[in-house]
Amino acid sequence: MPRADDGHFIGPGLSWPKLIRAADSGLSGGSTTNPHARLLLLLPALGDDALSDDDAPSIACRRRARLHRGRCT
């Protein structure tokens, strides 16, 4: 197991707030500018085990919005 001080520490992933900020950022250079698609692409990087009850509906809403090209309300 790599030590944290040798420059190769592999952490648990992104927290939910950081994942949402990354998905909603309008920064160019990614594979898509669609925030719903970004969230779905970043979801495997989620390492936060302290999600609230509101987070699952948020993921479902973004998935529906992406599939149906609609908006997440």
N, C-alpha and C. Protein backbone atom coordinates (compact mmCIF):
# COMPACT_ATOMS: atom_id res chain seq x y z
N MET A 1 0.85 -1.18 0.00
CA MET A 1 0.00 0.00 0.00
C MET A 1 0.89 1.24 0.00
N PRO A 2 0.70 2.15 -0.95
CA PRO A 2 1.52 3.37 -0.98
C PRO A 2 1.28 4.25 0.25
N ARG A 3 2.33 4.89 0.68
CA ARG A 3 2.20 5.82 1.80
C ARG A 3 1.73 7.17 1.29
N ALA A 4 1.09 7.93 2.16
CA ALA A 4 0.54 9.24 1.79
C ALA A 4 1.63 10.25 1.45
N ASP A 5 2.84 10.03 1.95
CA ASP A 5 3.88 11.03 1.73
C ASP A 5 4.80 10.71 0.55
N ASP A 6 4.54 9.64 -0.20
CA ASP A 6 5.43 9.32 -1.31
C ASP A 6 4.91 9.82 -2.66
N GLY A 7 3.81 10.59 -2.65
CA GLY A 7 3.31 11.18 -3.88
C GLY A 7 2.39 10.28 -4.68
N HIS A 8 2.07 9.12 -4.17
CA HIS A 8 1.23 8.19 -4.90
C HIS A 8 0.00 7.77 -4.10
N PHE A 9 -0.43 8.62 -3.20
CA PHE A 9 -1.59 8.28 -2.38
C PHE A 9 -2.85 8.27 -3.22
N ILE A 10 -3.59 7.21 -3.12
CA ILE A 10 -4.86 7.10 -3.83
C ILE A 10 -5.96 7.22 -2.79
N GLY A 11 -6.67 8.32 -2.81
CA GLY A 11 -7.72 8.57 -1.83
C GLY A 11 -9.03 7.92 -2.21
N PRO A 12 -10.05 8.20 -1.46
CA PRO A 12 -11.34 7.55 -1.69
C PRO A 12 -12.12 8.10 -2.87
N GLY A 13 -11.70 9.18 -3.46
CA GLY A 13 -12.42 9.77 -4.58
C GLY A 13 -12.96 11.15 -4.23
N LEU A 14 -13.89 11.63 -5.04
CA LEU A 14 -14.46 12.96 -4.86
C LEU A 14 -15.60 12.94 -3.84
N SER A 15 -15.73 14.02 -3.11
CA SER A 15 -16.89 14.17 -2.24
C SER A 15 -18.08 14.59 -3.12
N TRP A 16 -19.28 14.44 -2.59
CA TRP A 16 -20.48 14.80 -3.35
C TRP A 16 -20.48 16.27 -3.76
N PRO A 17 -20.18 17.21 -2.84
CA PRO A 17 -20.16 18.62 -3.25
C PRO A 17 -19.13 18.92 -4.35
N LYS A 18 -17.96 18.29 -4.28
CA LYS A 18 -16.94 18.51 -5.31
C LYS A 18 -17.39 17.90 -6.64
N LEU A 19 -18.03 16.77 -6.58
CA LEU A 19 -18.53 16.13 -7.81
C LEU A 19 -19.56 17.02 -8.48
N ILE A 20 -20.49 17.58 -7.70
CA ILE A 20 -21.53 18.46 -8.24
C ILE A 20 -20.89 19.72 -8.83
N ARG A 21 -19.91 20.30 -8.12
CA ARG A 21 -19.24 21.50 -8.64
C ARG A 21 -18.52 21.19 -9.95
N ALA A 22 -17.87 20.06 -10.04
CA ALA A 22 -17.17 19.69 -11.27
C ALA A 22 -18.16 19.46 -12.41
N ALA A 23 -19.27 18.82 -12.10
CA ALA A 23 -20.27 18.54 -13.14
C ALA A 23 -20.94 19.83 -13.63
N ASP A 24 -21.17 20.74 -12.73
CA ASP A 24 -21.87 21.98 -13.08
C ASP A 24 -20.95 23.08 -13.59
N SER A 25 -19.64 22.85 -13.54
CA SER A 25 -18.73 23.89 -14.01
C SER A 25 -18.84 24.02 -15.52
N GLY A 26 -18.68 25.20 -16.00
CA GLY A 26 -18.76 25.45 -17.43
C GLY A 26 -17.39 25.44 -18.10
N LEU A 27 -16.41 24.84 -17.44
CA LEU A 27 -15.06 24.86 -17.98
C LEU A 27 -14.97 24.03 -19.25
N SER A 28 -14.26 24.57 -20.20
CA SER A 28 -14.08 23.84 -21.45
C SER A 28 -12.94 22.83 -21.30
N GLY A 29 -12.81 21.99 -22.29
CA GLY A 29 -11.71 21.03 -22.27
C GLY A 29 -12.13 19.63 -21.87
N GLY A 30 -13.35 19.46 -21.41
CA GLY A 30 -13.83 18.13 -21.06
C GLY A 30 -14.42 17.44 -22.27
N SER A 31 -14.99 16.28 -22.03
CA SER A 31 -15.57 15.53 -23.14
C SER A 31 -16.97 16.03 -23.50
N THR A 32 -17.60 16.77 -22.59
CA THR A 32 -18.93 17.31 -22.85
C THR A 32 -19.15 18.57 -22.03
N THR A 33 -20.01 19.44 -22.52
CA THR A 33 -20.35 20.65 -21.77
C THR A 33 -21.69 20.49 -21.08
N ASN A 34 -22.37 19.37 -21.30
CA ASN A 34 -23.67 19.12 -20.68
C ASN A 34 -23.46 18.72 -19.21
N PRO A 35 -24.01 19.50 -18.26
CA PRO A 35 -23.78 19.20 -16.84
C PRO A 35 -24.37 17.85 -16.41
N HIS A 36 -25.46 17.44 -17.02
CA HIS A 36 -26.05 16.14 -16.65
C HIS A 36 -25.16 15.00 -17.11
N ALA A 37 -24.62 15.11 -18.30
CA ALA A 37 -23.70 14.08 -18.80
C ALA A 37 -22.41 14.07 -18.00
N ARG A 38 -21.92 15.26 -17.62
CA ARG A 38 -20.71 15.33 -16.81
C ARG A 38 -20.89 14.62 -15.48
N LEU A 39 -22.04 14.82 -14.83
CA LEU A 39 -22.27 14.16 -13.55
C LEU A 39 -22.26 12.65 -13.74
N LEU A 40 -22.91 12.16 -14.76
CA LEU A 40 -22.94 10.72 -15.00
C LEU A 40 -21.55 10.18 -15.32
N LEU A 41 -20.75 10.95 -16.04
CA LEU A 41 -19.39 10.51 -16.35
C LEU A 41 -18.49 10.53 -15.11
N LEU A 42 -18.72 11.48 -14.21
CA LEU A 42 -17.90 11.59 -13.00
C LEU A 42 -18.36 10.68 -11.87
N LEU A 43 -19.55 10.13 -11.97
CA LEU A 43 -20.11 9.33 -10.89
C LEU A 43 -19.21 8.20 -10.40
N PRO A 44 -18.48 7.50 -11.28
CA PRO A 44 -17.57 6.46 -10.76
C PRO A 44 -16.46 7.00 -9.86
N ALA A 45 -16.18 8.30 -9.92
CA ALA A 45 -15.15 8.89 -9.07
C ALA A 45 -15.68 9.27 -7.69
N LEU A 46 -16.97 9.08 -7.47
CA LEU A 46 -17.57 9.43 -6.18
C LEU A 46 -17.03 8.53 -5.08
N GLY A 47 -16.52 9.13 -4.03
CA GLY A 47 -15.99 8.37 -2.92
C GLY A 47 -16.64 8.76 -1.61
N ASP A 48 -17.72 9.49 -1.67
CA ASP A 48 -18.38 10.01 -0.48
C ASP A 48 -19.43 9.01 0.00
N ASP A 49 -19.28 8.54 1.23
CA ASP A 49 -20.27 7.60 1.77
C ASP A 49 -21.28 8.31 2.68
N ALA A 50 -21.25 9.62 2.71
CA ALA A 50 -22.16 10.39 3.56
C ALA A 50 -23.13 11.19 2.69
N LEU A 51 -23.79 10.52 1.76
CA LEU A 51 -24.74 11.20 0.89
C LEU A 51 -26.06 11.40 1.63
N SER A 52 -26.74 12.47 1.30
CA SER A 52 -28.04 12.74 1.93
C SER A 52 -29.14 12.04 1.15
N ASP A 53 -30.34 12.03 1.67
CA ASP A 53 -31.47 11.41 1.00
C ASP A 53 -31.87 12.16 -0.26
N ASP A 54 -31.43 13.41 -0.40
CA ASP A 54 -31.76 14.21 -1.58
C ASP A 54 -30.84 13.92 -2.77
N ASP A 55 -29.75 13.22 -2.54
CA ASP A 55 -28.77 13.02 -3.60
C ASP A 55 -29.20 11.98 -4.63
N ALA A 56 -29.83 10.90 -4.22
CA ALA A 56 -30.28 9.88 -5.17
C ALA A 56 -31.31 10.45 -6.15
N PRO A 57 -32.31 11.21 -5.69
CA PRO A 57 -33.22 11.83 -6.66
C PRO A 57 -32.49 12.79 -7.61
N SER A 58 -31.44 13.45 -7.13
CA SER A 58 -30.68 14.35 -7.99
C SER A 58 -30.00 13.57 -9.11
N ILE A 59 -29.44 12.43 -8.78
CA ILE A 59 -28.80 11.59 -9.80
C ILE A 59 -29.85 11.08 -10.78
N ALA A 60 -30.98 10.63 -10.27
CA ALA A 60 -32.05 10.13 -11.14
C ALA A 60 -32.58 11.23 -12.06
N CYS A 61 -32.74 12.42 -11.52
CA CYS A 61 -33.24 13.54 -12.31
C CYS A 61 -32.27 13.88 -13.43
N ARG A 62 -30.99 13.92 -13.13
CA ARG A 62 -29.99 14.23 -14.16
C ARG A 62 -29.93 13.13 -15.21
N ARG A 63 -30.13 11.89 -14.80
CA ARG A 63 -30.13 10.80 -15.77
C ARG A 63 -31.32 10.93 -16.72
N ARG A 64 -32.49 11.21 -16.15
CA ARG A 64 -33.68 11.41 -16.99
C ARG A 64 -33.49 12.60 -17.93
N ALA A 65 -32.94 13.68 -17.40
CA ALA A 65 -32.72 14.87 -18.22
C ALA A 65 -31.76 14.56 -19.36
N ARG A 66 -30.76 13.78 -19.11
CA ARG A 66 -29.79 13.43 -20.15
C ARG A 66 -30.44 12.52 -21.19
N LEU A 67 -31.20 11.54 -20.75
CA LEU A 67 -31.82 10.60 -21.68
C LEU A 67 -32.89 11.25 -22.54
N HIS A 68 -33.62 12.19 -21.95
CA HIS A 68 -34.73 12.81 -22.66
C HIS A 68 -34.41 14.23 -23.12
N ARG A 69 -33.14 14.62 -22.99
CA ARG A 69 -32.68 15.94 -23.41
C ARG A 69 -33.53 17.07 -22.80
N GLY A 70 -33.89 16.87 -21.56
CA GLY A 70 -34.71 17.87 -20.87
C GLY A 70 -33.94 18.58 -19.80
N ARG A 71 -34.69 19.15 -18.89
CA ARG A 71 -34.09 19.89 -17.77
C ARG A 71 -34.36 19.14 -16.48
N CYS A 72 -33.49 19.34 -15.56
CA CYS A 72 -33.63 18.75 -14.23
C CYS A 72 -34.27 19.80 -13.32
N THR A 73 -35.41 19.47 -12.75
CA THR A 73 -36.08 20.45 -11.89
C THR A 73 -36.07 20.02 -10.46
